C-alpha cells in the first residue's frame, strides 16, 4: 500500500484538494493520500470548499492538520506545494515539488483553474506510479 502525503503551508487549499482528488481517482486497494501543513489554518478555505463541491468532493468537514514527523514518516511519496524551507525531508520517500498558486482569497474562477491544474498533476502521478 502506497501512502502519498501532500504538504503545503496551511493545509487549507492546495494539499487538501490534491489529497481529495487523489483519493477519488486512485485505486483504494493500492494507495491513499493524506495532507498536512507546516502552519495549519483553522479551516479549509471557503473558496476551495466551493470549487471542490462543484466536482462532487466535499471538504467542508476537512480539518487542516500539522505536518509532524510521524505524519511525514508514514509517506512513501511526499508532494510539496510551496512550503519552501519548512517542507520536510522524509528519508526513503520519493519527493516531488509542484509549483502551484495558493488559492487563498482568490476568486472562484481562479480557484477552479488551480483545482484543474492539481487534478492534472494528480492524474499524472497516479499513472506514473501505477496506482490506478
Protein backbone atom coordinates (compact mmCIF):
# COMPACT_ATOMS: atom_id res chain seq x y z
CA UNK A 1 0.00 0.00 0.00
CA UNK A 2 1.39 3.39 -1.03
CA UNK A 3 0.76 6.48 1.08
CA UNK A 4 1.08 9.86 -0.60
CA UNK A 5 1.49 12.93 1.59
CA UNK A 6 0.54 16.28 0.07
CA UNK A 7 2.09 19.12 2.08
CA UNK A 8 1.72 22.88 1.90
CA UNK A 9 1.87 25.72 4.40
CA UNK A 10 -1.68 26.00 5.74
CA UNK A 11 -3.21 22.66 4.65
CA UNK A 12 -6.29 24.63 3.72
CA UNK A 13 -6.14 24.72 -0.06
CA UNK A 14 -3.72 23.02 -2.43
CA UNK A 15 -2.84 20.00 -0.32
CA UNK A 16 -6.46 19.41 0.69
CA UNK A 17 -7.56 19.48 -2.97
CA UNK A 18 -4.71 17.20 -4.05
CA UNK A 19 -5.35 14.58 -1.36
CA UNK A 20 -9.10 14.56 -2.00
CA UNK A 21 -8.61 14.25 -5.76
CA UNK A 22 -6.00 11.51 -5.30
CA UNK A 23 -8.32 9.52 -3.03
CA UNK A 24 -11.17 9.91 -5.53
CA UNK A 25 -9.08 8.80 -8.53
CA UNK A 26 -6.51 6.26 -7.27
CA UNK A 27 -7.22 2.59 -6.64
CA UNK A 28 -8.01 2.47 -2.89
CA UNK A 29 -6.59 -1.04 -2.68
CA UNK A 30 -3.20 0.25 -3.84
CA UNK A 31 -2.86 3.77 -2.46
CA UNK A 32 -4.26 6.51 -0.29
CA UNK A 33 -3.40 10.14 0.34
CA UNK A 34 -3.16 12.36 3.38
CA UNK A 35 -2.41 16.06 3.63
CA UNK A 36 -0.80 18.33 6.19
CA UNK A 37 0.67 21.78 6.60
CA UNK A 38 3.63 23.36 8.31
CA UNK A 39 1.39 26.10 9.77
CA UNK A 40 -2.14 24.66 9.60
CA UNK A 41 -5.10 27.01 9.30
CA UNK A 42 -8.26 26.73 11.36
CA UNK A 43 -10.33 25.50 8.40
CA UNK A 44 -10.21 24.79 4.67
CA UNK A 45 -10.57 27.98 2.62
CA UNK A 46 -14.26 28.56 1.72
CA UNK A 47 -13.43 29.14 -1.95
CA UNK A 48 -11.68 25.74 -2.02
CA UNK A 49 -14.71 24.05 -0.45
CA UNK A 50 -16.94 25.57 -3.15
CA UNK A 51 -14.64 24.64 -6.05
CA UNK A 52 -14.35 21.05 -4.87
CA UNK A 53 -18.08 20.75 -4.18
CA UNK A 54 -18.67 21.62 -7.85
CA UNK A 55 -16.96 18.37 -8.84
CA UNK A 56 -18.65 16.27 -6.18
CA UNK A 57 -15.93 16.28 -3.50
CA UNK A 58 -16.90 17.62 -0.08
CA UNK A 59 -14.21 19.31 2.02
CA UNK A 60 -16.35 21.34 4.42
CA UNK A 61 -15.68 18.95 7.30
CA UNK A 62 -11.97 18.51 6.47
CA UNK A 63 -9.68 19.75 9.23
CA UNK A 64 -6.18 21.06 8.46
CA UNK A 65 -3.52 19.12 10.36
CA UNK A 66 0.05 19.88 11.36
CA UNK A 67 2.84 18.25 9.42
CA UNK A 68 4.63 16.27 12.12
CA UNK A 69 7.49 13.81 11.86
CA UNK A 70 5.01 10.98 12.48
CA UNK A 71 2.74 12.14 9.64
CA UNK A 72 5.70 12.61 7.30
CA UNK A 73 7.17 9.25 8.28
CA UNK A 74 4.05 7.44 7.09
CA UNK A 75 4.57 8.59 3.48
CA UNK A 76 6.10 6.68 0.60
CA UNK A 77 5.71 9.71 -1.68
CA UNK A 78 5.89 13.31 -0.48
CA UNK A 79 4.48 16.05 -2.70
CA UNK A 80 5.29 19.55 -1.51
CA UNK A 81 3.45 22.66 -2.65
CA UNK A 82 5.03 25.93 -1.65
CA UNK A 83 6.20 25.23 1.90
CA UNK A 84 9.76 26.22 0.98
CA UNK A 85 12.39 25.73 3.66
CA UNK A 86 9.84 24.34 6.12
CA UNK A 87 8.98 21.39 3.87
CA UNK A 88 10.05 18.13 5.48
CA UNK A 89 12.67 15.70 4.33
CA UNK A 90 11.37 12.16 4.57
CA UNK A 91 14.19 9.60 4.33
CA UNK A 92 13.27 6.88 1.86
CA UNK A 93 10.27 8.73 0.42
CA UNK A 94 10.14 9.87 -3.17
CA UNK A 95 9.82 13.67 -3.17
CA UNK A 96 8.10 15.83 -5.75
CA UNK A 97 7.54 19.59 -5.66
CA UNK A 98 4.60 21.07 -7.51
CA UNK A 99 4.69 24.79 -8.22
CA UNK A 100 1.09 25.82 -7.64
CA UNK A 101 -0.63 29.09 -6.84
CA UNK A 102 -2.14 29.42 -3.38
CA UNK A 103 -5.95 29.61 -3.77
CA UNK A 104 -6.46 31.58 -0.56
CA UNK A 105 -8.60 34.65 -1.16
CA UNK A 106 -8.75 34.13 -4.92
CA UNK A 107 -11.91 34.49 -6.99
CA UNK A 108 -13.77 31.21 -7.54
CA UNK A 109 -12.83 31.17 -11.25
CA UNK A 110 -9.13 31.28 -10.31
CA UNK A 111 -9.61 28.53 -7.70
CA UNK A 112 -11.28 26.36 -10.34
CA UNK A 113 -8.19 26.78 -12.53
CA UNK A 114 -5.87 25.83 -9.66
CA UNK A 115 -8.09 22.83 -8.89
CA UNK A 116 -7.91 21.68 -12.50
CA UNK A 117 -4.11 22.03 -12.61
CA UNK A 118 -3.87 19.99 -9.39
CA UNK A 119 -6.15 17.34 -10.89
CA UNK A 120 -3.87 17.09 -13.94
CA UNK A 121 -0.83 16.64 -11.67
CA UNK A 122 -2.66 14.01 -9.59
CA UNK A 123 -3.71 12.05 -12.68
CA UNK A 124 -0.12 12.05 -13.96
CA UNK A 125 1.18 10.93 -10.55
CA UNK A 126 -1.32 8.07 -10.38
CA UNK A 127 -0.37 6.96 -13.90
CA UNK A 128 3.38 7.28 -13.31
CA UNK A 129 3.24 5.24 -10.10
CA UNK A 130 0.80 2.63 -11.44
CA UNK A 131 -1.80 3.40 -8.77
CA UNK A 132 -4.92 3.19 -10.94
